[in-house]
């Protein structure tokens, strides 16, 4: 951690968690 902001191309989309950017 932290996960958000690491990668240029993120194709994953998620539902069910409060922090979607972190999860993706």
PDBML (XML) file of the C-alpha atoms, coordinates in Angstrom:
<?xml version="1.0" encoding="UTF-8" ?>
<PDBx:datablock datablockName="MODEL"
   xmlns:PDBx="http://pdbml.pdb.org/schema/pdbx-v50.xsd"
   xmlns:xsi="http://www.w3.org/2001/XMLSchema-instance"
   xsi:schemaLocation="http://pdbml.pdb.org/schema/pdbx-v50.xsd pdbx-v50.xsd">
   <PDBx:atom_siteCategory>
      <PDBx:atom_site id="1">
         <PDBx:B_iso_or_equiv>0.00</PDBx:B_iso_or_equiv>
         <PDBx:Cartn_x>0.000</PDBx:Cartn_x>
         <PDBx:Cartn_y>0.000</PDBx:Cartn_y>
         <PDBx:Cartn_z>0.000</PDBx:Cartn_z>
         <PDBx:auth_asym_id>A</PDBx:auth_asym_id>
         <PDBx:auth_atom_id>CA</PDBx:auth_atom_id>
         <PDBx:auth_comp_id>UNK</PDBx:auth_comp_id>
         <PDBx:auth_seq_id>1</PDBx:auth_seq_id>
         <PDBx:group_PDB>ATOM</PDBx:group_PDB>
         <PDBx:label_alt_id xsi:nil="true" />
         <PDBx:label_asym_id>A</PDBx:label_asym_id>
         <PDBx:label_atom_id>CA</PDBx:label_atom_id>
         <PDBx:label_comp_id>UNK</PDBx:label_comp_id>
         <PDBx:label_entity_id>1</PDBx:label_entity_id>
         <PDBx:label_seq_id>1</PDBx:label_seq_id>
         <PDBx:occupancy>1.00</PDBx:occupancy>
         <PDBx:pdbx_PDB_model_num>1</PDBx:pdbx_PDB_model_num>
         <PDBx:type_symbol>C</PDBx:type_symbol>
      </PDBx:atom_site>
      <PDBx:atom_site id="2">
         <PDBx:B_iso_or_equiv>0.00</PDBx:B_iso_or_equiv>
         <PDBx:Cartn_x>-0.870</PDBx:Cartn_x>
         <PDBx:Cartn_y>2.688</PDBx:Cartn_y>
         <PDBx:Cartn_z>-1.018</PDBx:Cartn_z>
         <PDBx:auth_asym_id>A</PDBx:auth_asym_id>
         <PDBx:auth_atom_id>CA</PDBx:auth_atom_id>
         <PDBx:auth_comp_id>UNK</PDBx:auth_comp_id>
         <PDBx:auth_seq_id>2</PDBx:auth_seq_id>
         <PDBx:group_PDB>ATOM</PDBx:group_PDB>
         <PDBx:label_alt_id xsi:nil="true" />
         <PDBx:label_asym_id>A</PDBx:label_asym_id>
         <PDBx:label_atom_id>CA</PDBx:label_atom_id>
         <PDBx:label_comp_id>UNK</PDBx:label_comp_id>
         <PDBx:label_entity_id>1</PDBx:label_entity_id>
         <PDBx:label_seq_id>2</PDBx:label_seq_id>
         <PDBx:occupancy>1.00</PDBx:occupancy>
         <PDBx:pdbx_PDB_model_num>1</PDBx:pdbx_PDB_model_num>
         <PDBx:type_symbol>C</PDBx:type_symbol>
      </PDBx:atom_site>
      <PDBx:atom_site id="3">
         <PDBx:B_iso_or_equiv>0.00</PDBx:B_iso_or_equiv>
         <PDBx:Cartn_x>-2.130</PDBx:Cartn_x>
         <PDBx:Cartn_y>1.457</PDBx:Cartn_y>
         <PDBx:Cartn_z>-4.375</PDBx:Cartn_z>
         <PDBx:auth_asym_id>A</PDBx:auth_asym_id>
         <PDBx:auth_atom_id>CA</PDBx:auth_atom_id>
         <PDBx:auth_comp_id>UNK</PDBx:auth_comp_id>
         <PDBx:auth_seq_id>3</PDBx:auth_seq_id>
         <PDBx:group_PDB>ATOM</PDBx:group_PDB>
         <PDBx:label_alt_id xsi:nil="true" />
         <PDBx:label_asym_id>A</PDBx:label_asym_id>
         <PDBx:label_atom_id>CA</PDBx:label_atom_id>
         <PDBx:label_comp_id>UNK</PDBx:label_comp_id>
         <PDBx:label_entity_id>1</PDBx:label_entity_id>
         <PDBx:label_seq_id>3</PDBx:label_seq_id>
         <PDBx:occupancy>1.00</PDBx:occupancy>
         <PDBx:pdbx_PDB_model_num>1</PDBx:pdbx_PDB_model_num>
         <PDBx:type_symbol>C</PDBx:type_symbol>
      </PDBx:atom_site>
      <PDBx:atom_site id="4">
         <PDBx:B_iso_or_equiv>0.00</PDBx:B_iso_or_equiv>
         <PDBx:Cartn_x>-3.778</PDBx:Cartn_x>
         <PDBx:Cartn_y>4.364</PDBx:Cartn_y>
         <PDBx:Cartn_z>-6.184</PDBx:Cartn_z>
         <PDBx:auth_asym_id>A</PDBx:auth_asym_id>
         <PDBx:auth_atom_id>CA</PDBx:auth_atom_id>
         <PDBx:auth_comp_id>UNK</PDBx:auth_comp_id>
         <PDBx:auth_seq_id>4</PDBx:auth_seq_id>
         <PDBx:group_PDB>ATOM</PDBx:group_PDB>
         <PDBx:label_alt_id xsi:nil="true" />
         <PDBx:label_asym_id>A</PDBx:label_asym_id>
         <PDBx:label_atom_id>CA</PDBx:label_atom_id>
         <PDBx:label_comp_id>UNK</PDBx:label_comp_id>
         <PDBx:label_entity_id>1</PDBx:label_entity_id>
         <PDBx:label_seq_id>4</PDBx:label_seq_id>
         <PDBx:occupancy>1.00</PDBx:occupancy>
         <PDBx:pdbx_PDB_model_num>1</PDBx:pdbx_PDB_model_num>
         <PDBx:type_symbol>C</PDBx:type_symbol>
      </PDBx:atom_site>
      <PDBx:atom_site id="5">
         <PDBx:B_iso_or_equiv>0.00</PDBx:B_iso_or_equiv>
         <PDBx:Cartn_x>-1.667</PDBx:Cartn_x>
         <PDBx:Cartn_y>6.423</PDBx:Cartn_y>
         <PDBx:Cartn_z>-8.566</PDBx:Cartn_z>
         <PDBx:auth_asym_id>A</PDBx:auth_asym_id>
         <PDBx:auth_atom_id>CA</PDBx:auth_atom_id>
         <PDBx:auth_comp_id>UNK</PDBx:auth_comp_id>
         <PDBx:auth_seq_id>5</PDBx:auth_seq_id>
         <PDBx:group_PDB>ATOM</PDBx:group_PDB>
         <PDBx:label_alt_id xsi:nil="true" />
         <PDBx:label_asym_id>A</PDBx:label_asym_id>
         <PDBx:label_atom_id>CA</PDBx:label_atom_id>
         <PDBx:label_comp_id>UNK</PDBx:label_comp_id>
         <PDBx:label_entity_id>1</PDBx:label_entity_id>
         <PDBx:label_seq_id>5</PDBx:label_seq_id>
         <PDBx:occupancy>1.00</PDBx:occupancy>
         <PDBx:pdbx_PDB_model_num>1</PDBx:pdbx_PDB_model_num>
         <PDBx:type_symbol>C</PDBx:type_symbol>
      </PDBx:atom_site>
      <PDBx:atom_site id="6">
         <PDBx:B_iso_or_equiv>0.00</PDBx:B_iso_or_equiv>
         <PDBx:Cartn_x>0.905</PDBx:Cartn_x>
         <PDBx:Cartn_y>3.717</PDBx:Cartn_y>
         <PDBx:Cartn_z>-9.278</PDBx:Cartn_z>
         <PDBx:auth_asym_id>A</PDBx:auth_asym_id>
         <PDBx:auth_atom_id>CA</PDBx:auth_atom_id>
         <PDBx:auth_comp_id>UNK</PDBx:auth_comp_id>
         <PDBx:auth_seq_id>6</PDBx:auth_seq_id>
         <PDBx:group_PDB>ATOM</PDBx:group_PDB>
         <PDBx:label_alt_id xsi:nil="true" />
         <PDBx:label_asym_id>A</PDBx:label_asym_id>
         <PDBx:label_atom_id>CA</PDBx:label_atom_id>
         <PDBx:label_comp_id>UNK</PDBx:label_comp_id>
         <PDBx:label_entity_id>1</PDBx:label_entity_id>
         <PDBx:label_seq_id>6</PDBx:label_seq_id>
         <PDBx:occupancy>1.00</PDBx:occupancy>
         <PDBx:pdbx_PDB_model_num>1</PDBx:pdbx_PDB_model_num>
         <PDBx:type_symbol>C</PDBx:type_symbol>
      </PDBx:atom_site>
      <PDBx:atom_site id="7">
         <PDBx:B_iso_or_equiv>0.00</PDBx:B_iso_or_equiv>
         <PDBx:Cartn_x>-0.034</PDBx:Cartn_x>
         <PDBx:Cartn_y>2.608</PDBx:Cartn_y>
         <PDBx:Cartn_z>-12.790</PDBx:Cartn_z>
         <PDBx:auth_asym_id>A</PDBx:auth_asym_id>
         <PDBx:auth_atom_id>CA</PDBx:auth_atom_id>
         <PDBx:auth_comp_id>UNK</PDBx:auth_comp_id>
         <PDBx:auth_seq_id>7</PDBx:auth_seq_id>
         <PDBx:group_PDB>ATOM</PDBx:group_PDB>
         <PDBx:label_alt_id xsi:nil="true" />
         <PDBx:label_asym_id>A</PDBx:label_asym_id>
         <PDBx:label_atom_id>CA</PDBx:label_atom_id>
         <PDBx:label_comp_id>UNK</PDBx:label_comp_id>
         <PDBx:label_entity_id>1</PDBx:label_entity_id>
         <PDBx:label_seq_id>7</PDBx:label_seq_id>
         <PDBx:occupancy>1.00</PDBx:occupancy>
         <PDBx:pdbx_PDB_model_num>1</PDBx:pdbx_PDB_model_num>
         <PDBx:type_symbol>C</PDBx:type_symbol>
      </PDBx:atom_site>
      <PDBx:atom_site id="8">
         <PDBx:B_iso_or_equiv>0.00</PDBx:B_iso_or_equiv>
         <PDBx:Cartn_x>-0.743</PDBx:Cartn_x>
         <PDBx:Cartn_y>4.422</PDBx:Cartn_y>
         <PDBx:Cartn_z>-16.048</PDBx:Cartn_z>
         <PDBx:auth_asym_id>A</PDBx:auth_asym_id>
         <PDBx:auth_atom_id>CA</PDBx:auth_atom_id>
         <PDBx:auth_comp_id>UNK</PDBx:auth_comp_id>
         <PDBx:auth_seq_id>8</PDBx:auth_seq_id>
         <PDBx:group_PDB>ATOM</PDBx:group_PDB>
         <PDBx:label_alt_id xsi:nil="true" />
         <PDBx:label_asym_id>A</PDBx:label_asym_id>
         <PDBx:label_atom_id>CA</PDBx:label_atom_id>
         <PDBx:label_comp_id>UNK</PDBx:label_comp_id>
         <PDBx:label_entity_id>1</PDBx:label_entity_id>
         <PDBx:label_seq_id>8</PDBx:label_seq_id>
         <PDBx:occupancy>1.00</PDBx:occupancy>
         <PDBx:pdbx_PDB_model_num>1</PDBx:pdbx_PDB_model_num>
         <PDBx:type_symbol>C</PDBx:type_symbol>
      </PDBx:atom_site>
      <PDBx:atom_site id="9">
         <PDBx:B_iso_or_equiv>0.00</PDBx:B_iso_or_equiv>
         <PDBx:Cartn_x>-3.264</PDBx:Cartn_x>
         <PDBx:Cartn_y>2.013</PDBx:Cartn_y>
         <PDBx:Cartn_z>-17.580</PDBx:Cartn_z>
         <PDBx:auth_asym_id>A</PDBx:auth_asym_id>
         <PDBx:auth_atom_id>CA</PDBx:auth_atom_id>
         <PDBx:auth_comp_id>UNK</PDBx:auth_comp_id>
         <PDBx:auth_seq_id>9</PDBx:auth_seq_id>
         <PDBx:group_PDB>ATOM</PDBx:group_PDB>
         <PDBx:label_alt_id xsi:nil="true" />
         <PDBx:label_asym_id>A</PDBx:label_asym_id>
         <PDBx:label_atom_id>CA</PDBx:label_atom_id>
         <PDBx:label_comp_id>UNK</PDBx:label_comp_id>
         <PDBx:label_entity_id>1</PDBx:label_entity_id>
         <PDBx:label_seq_id>9</PDBx:label_seq_id>
         <PDBx:occupancy>1.00</PDBx:occupancy>
         <PDBx:pdbx_PDB_model_num>1</PDBx:pdbx_PDB_model_num>
         <PDBx:type_symbol>C</PDBx:type_symbol>
      </PDBx:atom_site>
      <PDBx:atom_site id="10">
         <PDBx:B_iso_or_equiv>0.00</PDBx:B_iso_or_equiv>
         <PDBx:Cartn_x>-5.775</PDBx:Cartn_x>
         <PDBx:Cartn_y>0.371</PDBx:Cartn_y>
         <PDBx:Cartn_z>-15.254</PDBx:Cartn_z>
         <PDBx:auth_asym_id>A</PDBx:auth_asym_id>
         <PDBx:auth_atom_id>CA</PDBx:auth_atom_id>
         <PDBx:auth_comp_id>UNK</PDBx:auth_comp_id>
         <PDBx:auth_seq_id>10</PDBx:auth_seq_id>
         <PDBx:group_PDB>ATOM</PDBx:group_PDB>
         <PDBx:label_alt_id xsi:nil="true" />
         <PDBx:label_asym_id>A</PDBx:label_asym_id>
         <PDBx:label_atom_id>CA</PDBx:label_atom_id>
         <PDBx:label_comp_id>UNK</PDBx:label_comp_id>
         <PDBx:label_entity_id>1</PDBx:label_entity_id>
         <PDBx:label_seq_id>10</PDBx:label_seq_id>
         <PDBx:occupancy>1.00</PDBx:occupancy>
         <PDBx:pdbx_PDB_model_num>1</PDBx:pdbx_PDB_model_num>
         <PDBx:type_symbol>C</PDBx:type_symbol>
      </PDBx:atom_site>
      <PDBx:atom_site id="11">
         <PDBx:B_iso_or_equiv>0.00</PDBx:B_iso_or_equiv>
         <PDBx:Cartn_x>-8.549</PDBx:Cartn_x>
         <PDBx:Cartn_y>-1.526</PDBx:Cartn_y>
         <PDBx:Cartn_z>-17.015</PDBx:Cartn_z>
         <PDBx:auth_asym_id>A</PDBx:auth_asym_id>
         <PDBx:auth_atom_id>CA</PDBx:auth_atom_id>
         <PDBx:auth_comp_id>UNK</PDBx:auth_comp_id>
         <PDBx:auth_seq_id>11</PDBx:auth_seq_id>
         <PDBx:group_PDB>ATOM</PDBx:group_PDB>
         <PDBx:label_alt_id xsi:nil="true" />
         <PDBx:label_asym_id>A</PDBx:label_asym_id>
         <PDBx:label_atom_id>CA</PDBx:label_atom_id>
         <PDBx:label_comp_id>UNK</PDBx:label_comp_id>
         <PDBx:label_entity_id>1</PDBx:label_entity_id>
         <PDBx:label_seq_id>11</PDBx:label_seq_id>
         <PDBx:occupancy>1.00</PDBx:occupancy>
         <PDBx:pdbx_PDB_model_num>1</PDBx:pdbx_PDB_model_num>
         <PDBx:type_symbol>C</PDBx:type_symbol>
      </PDBx:atom_site>
      <PDBx:atom_site id="12">
         <PDBx:B_iso_or_equiv>0.00</PDBx:B_iso_or_equiv>
         <PDBx:Cartn_x>-10.188</PDBx:Cartn_x>
         <PDBx:Cartn_y>-2.942</PDBx:Cartn_y>
         <PDBx:Cartn_z>-13.893</PDBx:Cartn_z>
         <PDBx:auth_asym_id>A</PDBx:auth_asym_id>
         <PDBx:auth_atom_id>CA</PDBx:auth_atom_id>
         <PDBx:auth_comp_id>UNK</PDBx:auth_comp_id>
         <PDBx:auth_seq_id>12</PDBx:auth_seq_id>
         <PDBx:group_PDB>ATOM</PDBx:group_PDB>
         <PDBx:label_alt_id xsi:nil="true" />
         <PDBx:label_asym_id>A</PDBx:label_asym_id>
         <PDBx:label_atom_id>CA</PDBx:label_atom_id>
         <PDBx:label_comp_id>UNK</PDBx:label_comp_id>
         <PDBx:label_entity_id>1</PDBx:label_entity_id>
         <PDBx:label_seq_id>12</PDBx:label_seq_id>
         <PDBx:occupancy>1.00</PDBx:occupancy>
         <PDBx:pdbx_PDB_model_num>1</PDBx:pdbx_PDB_model_num>
         <PDBx:type_symbol>C</PDBx:type_symbol>
      </PDBx:atom_site>
      <PDBx:atom_site id="13">
         <PDBx:B_iso_or_equiv>0.00</PDBx:B_iso_or_equiv>
         <PDBx:Cartn_x>-13.465</PDBx:Cartn_x>
         <PDBx:Cartn_y>-1.543</PDBx:Cartn_y>
         <PDBx:Cartn_z>-12.542</PDBx:Cartn_z>
         <PDBx:auth_asym_id>A</PDBx:auth_asym_id>
         <PDBx:auth_atom_id>CA</PDBx:auth_atom_id>
         <PDBx:auth_comp_id>UNK</PDBx:auth_comp_id>
         <PDBx:auth_seq_id>13</PDBx:auth_seq_id>
         <PDBx:group_PDB>ATOM</PDBx:group_PDB>
         <PDBx:label_alt_id xsi:nil="true" />
         <PDBx:label_asym_id>A</PDBx:label_asym_id>
         <PDBx:label_atom_id>CA</PDBx:label_atom_id>
         <PDBx:label_comp_id>UNK</PDBx:label_comp_id>
         <PDBx:label_entity_id>1</PDBx:label_entity_id>
         <PDBx:label_seq_id>13</PDBx:label_seq_id>
         <PDBx:occupancy>1.00</PDBx:occupancy>
         <PDBx:pdbx_PDB_model_num>1</PDBx:pdbx_PDB_model_num>
         <PDBx:type_symbol>C</PDBx:type_symbol>
      </PDBx:atom_site>
      <PDBx:atom_site id="14">
         <PDBx:B_iso_or_equiv>0.00</PDBx:B_iso_or_equiv>
         <PDBx:Cartn_x>-14.816</PDBx:Cartn_x>
         <PDBx:Cartn_y>-2.653</PDBx:Cartn_y>
         <PDBx:Cartn_z>-9.178</PDBx:Cartn_z>
         <PDBx:auth_asym_id>A</PDBx:auth_asym_id>
         <PDBx:auth_atom_id>CA</PDBx:auth_atom_id>
         <PDBx:auth_comp_id>UNK</PDBx:auth_comp_id>
         <PDBx:auth_seq_id>14</PDBx:auth_seq_id>
         <PDBx:group_PDB>ATOM</PDBx:group_PDB>
         <PDBx:label_alt_id xsi:nil="true" />
         <PDBx:label_asym_id>A</PDBx:label_asym_id>
         <PDBx:label_atom_id>CA</PDBx:label_atom_id>
         <PDBx:label_comp_id>UNK</PDBx:label_comp_id>
         <PDBx:label_entity_id>1</PDBx:label_entity_id>
         <PDBx:label_seq_id>14</PDBx:label_seq_id>
         <PDBx:occupancy>1.00</PDBx:occupancy>
         <PDBx:pdbx_PDB_model_num>1</PDBx:pdbx_PDB_model_num>
         <PDBx:type_symbol>C</PDBx:type_symbol>
      </PDBx:atom_site>
      <PDBx:atom_site id="15">
         <PDBx:B_iso_or_equiv>0.00</PDBx:B_iso_or_equiv>
         <PDBx:Cartn_x>-17.895</PDBx:Cartn_x>
         <PDBx:Cartn_y>-2.374</PDBx:Cartn_y>
         <PDBx:Cartn_z>-7.002</PDBx:Cartn_z>
         <PDBx:auth_asym_id>A</PDBx:auth_asym_id>
         <PDBx:auth_atom_id>CA</PDBx:auth_atom_id>
         <PDBx:auth_comp_id>UNK</PDBx:auth_comp_id>
         <PDBx:auth_seq_id>15</PDBx:auth_seq_id>
         <PDBx:group_PDB>ATOM</PDBx:group_PDB>
         <PDBx:label_alt_id xsi:nil="true" />
         <PDBx:label_asym_id>A</PDBx:label_asym_id>
         <PDBx:label_atom_id>CA</PDBx:label_atom_id>
         <PDBx:label_comp_id>UNK</PDBx:label_comp_id>
         <PDBx:label_entity_id>1</PDBx:label_entity_id>
         <PDBx:label_seq_id>15</PDBx:label_seq_id>
         <PDBx:occupancy>1.00</PDBx:occupancy>
         <PDBx:pdbx_PDB_model_num>1</PDBx:pdbx_PDB_model_num>
         <PDBx:type_symbol>C</PDBx:type_symbol>
      </PDBx:atom_site>
      <PDBx:atom_site id="16">
         <PDBx:B_iso_or_equiv>0.00</PDBx:B_iso_or_equiv>
         <PDBx:Cartn_x>-18.453</PDBx:Cartn_x>
         <PDBx:Cartn_y>-3.159</PDBx:Cartn_y>
         <PDBx:Cartn_z>-3.351</PDBx:Cartn_z>
         <PDBx:auth_asym_id>A</PDBx:auth_asym_id>
         <PDBx:auth_atom_id>CA</PDBx:auth_atom_id>
         <PDBx:auth_comp_id>UNK</PDBx:auth_comp_id>
         <PDBx:auth_seq_id>16</PDBx:auth_seq_id>
         <PDBx:group_PDB>ATOM</PDBx:group_PDB>
         <PDBx:label_alt_id xsi:nil="true" />
         <PDBx:label_asym_id>A</PDBx:label_asym_id>
         <PDBx:label_atom_id>CA</PDBx:label_atom_id>
         <PDBx:label_comp_id>UNK</PDBx:label_comp_id>
         <PDBx:label_entity_id>1</PDBx:label_entity_id>
         <PDBx:label_seq_id>16</PDBx:label_seq_id>
         <PDBx:occupancy>1.00</PDBx:occupancy>
         <PDBx:pdbx_PDB_model_num>1</PDBx:pdbx_PDB_model_num>
         <PDBx:type_symbol>C</PDBx:type_symbol>
      </PDBx:atom_site>
      <PDBx:atom_site id="17">
         <PDBx:B_iso_or_equiv>0.00</PDBx:B_iso_or_equiv>
         <PDBx:Cartn_x>-15.610</PDBx:Cartn_x>
         <PDBx:Cartn_y>-1.302</PDBx:Cartn_y>
         <PDBx:Cartn_z>-1.633</PDBx:Cartn_z>
         <PDBx:auth_asym_id>A</PDBx:auth_asym_id>
         <PDBx:auth_atom_id>CA</PDBx:auth_atom_id>
         <PDBx:auth_comp_id>UNK</PDBx:auth_comp_id>
         <PDBx:auth_seq_id>17</PDBx:auth_seq_id>
         <PDBx:group_PDB>ATOM</PDBx:group_PDB>
         <PDBx:label_alt_id xsi:nil="true" />
         <PDBx:label_asym_id>A</PDBx:label_asym_id>
         <PDBx:label_atom_id>CA</PDBx:label_atom_id>
         <PDBx:label_comp_id>UNK</PDBx:label_comp_id>
         <PDBx:label_entity_id>1</PDBx:label_entity_id>
         <PDBx:label_seq_id>17</PDBx:label_seq_id>
         <PDBx:occupancy>1.00</PDBx:occupancy>
         <PDBx:pdbx_PDB_model_num>1</PDBx:pdbx_PDB_model_num>
         <PDBx:type_symbol>C</PDBx:type_symbol>
      </PDBx:atom_site>
      <PDBx:atom_site id="18">
         <PDBx:B_iso_or_equiv>0.00</PDBx:B_iso_or_equiv>
         <PDBx:Cartn_x>-15.402</PDBx:Cartn_x>
         <PDBx:Cartn_y>2.272</PDBx:Cartn_y>
         <PDBx:Cartn_z>-0.303</PDBx:Cartn_z>
         <PDBx:auth_asym_id>A</PDBx:auth_asym_id>
         <PDBx:auth_atom_id>CA</PDBx:auth_atom_id>
         <PDBx:auth_comp_id>UNK</PDBx:auth_comp_id>
         <PDBx:auth_seq_id>18</PDBx:auth_seq_id>
         <PDBx:group_PDB>ATOM</PDBx:group_PDB>
         <PDBx:label_alt_id xsi:nil="true" />
         <PDBx:label_asym_id>A</PDBx:label_asym_id>
         <PDBx:label_atom_id>CA</PDBx:label_atom_id>
         <PDBx:label_comp_id>UNK</PDBx:label_comp_id>
         <PDBx:label_entity_id>1</PDBx:label_entity_id>
         <PDBx:label_seq_id>18</PDBx:label_seq_id>
         <PDBx:occupancy>1.00</PDBx:occupancy>
         <PDBx:pdbx_PDB_model_num>1</PDBx:pdbx_PDB_model_num>
         <PDBx:type_symbol>C</PDBx:type_symbol>
      </PDBx:atom_site>
      <PDBx:atom_site id="19">
         <PDBx:B_iso_or_equiv>0.00</PDBx:B_iso_or_equiv>
         <PDBx:Cartn_x>-12.066</PDBx:Cartn_x>
         <PDBx:Cartn_y>3.018</PDBx:Cartn_y>
         <PDBx:Cartn_z>-2.011</PDBx:Cartn_z>
         <PDBx:auth_asym_id>A</PDBx:auth_asym_id>
         <PDBx:auth_atom_id>CA</PDBx:auth_atom_id>
         <PDBx:auth_comp_id>UNK</PDBx:auth_comp_id>
         <PDBx:auth_seq_id>19</PDBx:auth_seq_id>
         <PDBx:group_PDB>ATOM</PDBx:group_PDB>
         <PDBx:label_alt_id xsi:nil="true" />
         <PDBx:label_asym_id>A</PDBx:label_asym_id>
         <PDBx:label_atom_id>CA</PDBx:label_atom_id>
         <PDBx:label_comp_id>UNK</PDBx:label_comp_id>
         <PDBx:label_entity_id>1</PDBx:label_entity_id>
         <PDBx:label_seq_id>19</PDBx:label_seq_id>
         <PDBx:occupancy>1.00</PDBx:occupancy>
         <PDBx:pdbx_PDB_model_num>1</PDBx:pdbx_PDB_model_num>
         <PDBx:type_symbol>C</PDBx:type_symbol>
      </PDBx:atom_site>
      <PDBx:atom_site id="20">
         <PDBx:B_iso_or_equiv>0.00</PDBx:B_iso_or_equiv>
         <PDBx:Cartn_x>-12.497</PDBx:Cartn_x>
         <PDBx:Cartn_y>1.987</PDBx:Cartn_y>
         <PDBx:Cartn_z>-5.645</PDBx:Cartn_z>
         <PDBx:auth_asym_id>A</PDBx:auth_asym_id>
         <PDBx:auth_atom_id>CA</PDBx:auth_atom_id>
         <PDBx:auth_comp_id>UNK</PDBx:auth_comp_id>
         <PDBx:auth_seq_id>20</PDBx:auth_seq_id>
         <PDBx:group_PDB>ATOM</PDBx:group_PDB>
         <PDBx:label_alt_id xsi:nil="true" />
         <PDBx:label_asym_id>A</PDBx:label_asym_id>
         <PDBx:label_atom_id>CA</PDBx:label_atom_id>
         <PDBx:label_comp_id>UNK</PDBx:label_comp_id>
         <PDBx:label_entity_id>1</PDBx:label_entity_id>
         <PDBx:label_seq_id>20</PDBx:label_seq_id>
         <PDBx:occupancy>1.00</PDBx:occupancy>
         <PDBx:pdbx_PDB_model_num>1</PDBx:pdbx_PDB_model_num>
         <PDBx:type_symbol>C</PDBx:type_symbol>
      </PDBx:atom_site>
      <PDBx:atom_site id="21">
         <PDBx:B_iso_or_equiv>0.00</PDBx:B_iso_or_equiv>
         <PDBx:Cartn_x>-9.294</PDBx:Cartn_x>
         <PDBx:Cartn_y>3.663</PDBx:Cartn_y>
         <PDBx:Cartn_z>-6.889</PDBx:Cartn_z>
         <PDBx:auth_asym_id>A</PDBx:auth_asym_id>
         <PDBx:auth_atom_id>CA</PDBx:auth_atom_id>
         <PDBx:auth_comp_id>UNK</PDBx:auth_comp_id>
         <PDBx:auth_seq_id>21</PDBx:auth_seq_id>
         <PDBx:group_PDB>ATOM</PDBx:group_PDB>
         <PDBx:label_alt_id xsi:nil="true" />
         <PDBx:label_asym_id>A</PDBx:label_asym_id>
         <PDBx:label_atom_id>CA</PDBx:label_atom_id>
         <PDBx:label_comp_id>UNK</PDBx:label_comp_id>
         <PDBx:label_entity_id>1</PDBx:label_entity_id>
         <PDBx:label_seq_id>21</PDBx:label_seq_id>
         <PDBx:occupancy>1.00</PDBx:occupancy>
         <PDBx:pdbx_PDB_model_num>1</PDBx:pdbx_PDB_model_num>
         <PDBx:type_symbol>C</PDBx:type_symbol>
      </PDBx:atom_site>
      <PDBx:atom_site id="22">
         <PDBx:B_iso_or_equiv>0.00</PDBx:B_iso_or_equiv>
         <PDBx:Cartn_x>-7.255</PDBx:Cartn_x>
         <PDBx:Cartn_y>1.741</PDBx:Cartn_y>
         <PDBx:Cartn_z>-4.329</PDBx:Cartn_z>
         <PDBx:auth_asym_id>A</PDBx:auth_asym_id>
         <PDBx:auth_atom_id>CA</PDBx:auth_atom_id>
         <PDBx:auth_comp_id>UNK</PDBx:auth_comp_id>
         <PDBx:auth_seq_id>22</PDBx:auth_seq_id>
         <PDBx:group_PDB>ATOM</PDBx:group_PDB>
         <PDBx:label_alt_id xsi:nil="true" />
         <PDBx:label_asym_id>A</PDBx:label_asym_id>
         <PDBx:label_atom_id>CA</PDBx:label_atom_id>
         <PDBx:label_comp_id>UNK</PDBx:label_comp_id>
         <PDBx:label_entity_id>1</PDBx:label_entity_id>
         <PDBx:label_seq_id>22</PDBx:label_seq_id>
         <PDBx:occupancy>1.00</PDBx:occupancy>
         <PDBx:pdbx_PDB_model_num>1</PDBx:pdbx_PDB_model_num>
         <PDBx:type_symbol>C</PDBx:type_symbol>
      </PDBx:atom_site>
      <PDBx:atom_site id="23">
         <PDBx:B_iso_or_equiv>0.00</PDBx:B_iso_or_equiv>
         <PDBx:Cartn_x>-8.895</PDBx:Cartn_x>
         <PDBx:Cartn_y>-1.552</PDBx:Cartn_y>
         <PDBx:Cartn_z>-5.298</PDBx:Cartn_z>
         <PDBx:auth_asym_id>A</PDBx:auth_asym_id>
         <PDBx:auth_atom_id>CA</PDBx:auth_atom_id>
         <PDBx:auth_comp_id>UNK</PDBx:auth_comp_id>
         <PDBx:auth_seq_id>23</PDBx:auth_seq_id>
         <PDBx:group_PDB>ATOM</PDBx:group_PDB>
         <PDBx:label_alt_id xsi:nil="true" />
         <PDBx:label_asym_id>A</PDBx:label_asym_id>
         <PDBx:label_atom_id>CA</PDBx:label_atom_id>
         <PDBx:label_comp_id>UNK</PDBx:label_comp_id>
         <PDBx:label_entity_id>1</PDBx:label_entity_id>
         <PDBx:label_seq_id>23</PDBx:label_seq_id>
         <PDBx:occupancy>1.00</PDBx:occupancy>
         <PDBx:pdbx_PDB_model_num>1</PDBx:pdbx_PDB_model_num>
         <PDBx:type_symbol>C</PDBx:type_symbol>
      </PDBx:atom_site>
      <PDBx:atom_site id="24">
         <PDBx:B_iso_or_equiv>0.00</PDBx:B_iso_or_equiv>
         <PDBx:Cartn_x>-8.565</PDBx:Cartn_x>
         <PDBx:Cartn_y>-1.037</PDBx:Cartn_y>
         <PDBx:Cartn_z>-9.061</PDBx:Cartn_z>
         <PDBx:auth_asym_id>A</PDBx:auth_asym_id>
         <PDBx:auth_atom_id>CA</PDBx:auth_atom_id>
         <PDBx:auth_comp_id>UNK</PDBx:auth_comp_id>
         <PDBx:auth_seq_id>24</PDBx:auth_seq_id>
         <PDBx:group_PDB>ATOM</PDBx:group_PDB>
         <PDBx:label_alt_id xsi:nil="true" />
         <PDBx:label_asym_id>A</PDBx:label_asym_id>
         <PDBx:label_atom_id>CA</PDBx:label_atom_id>
         <PDBx:label_comp_id>UNK</PDBx:label_comp_id>
         <PDBx:label_entity_id>1</PDBx:label_entity_id>
         <PDBx:label_seq_id>24</PDBx:label_seq_id>
         <PDBx:occupancy>1.00</PDBx:occupancy>
         <PDBx:pdbx_PDB_model_num>1</PDBx:pdbx_PDB_model_num>
         <PDBx:type_symbol>C</PDBx:type_symbol>
      </PDBx:atom_site>
   </PDBx:atom_siteCategory>
</PDBx:datablock>
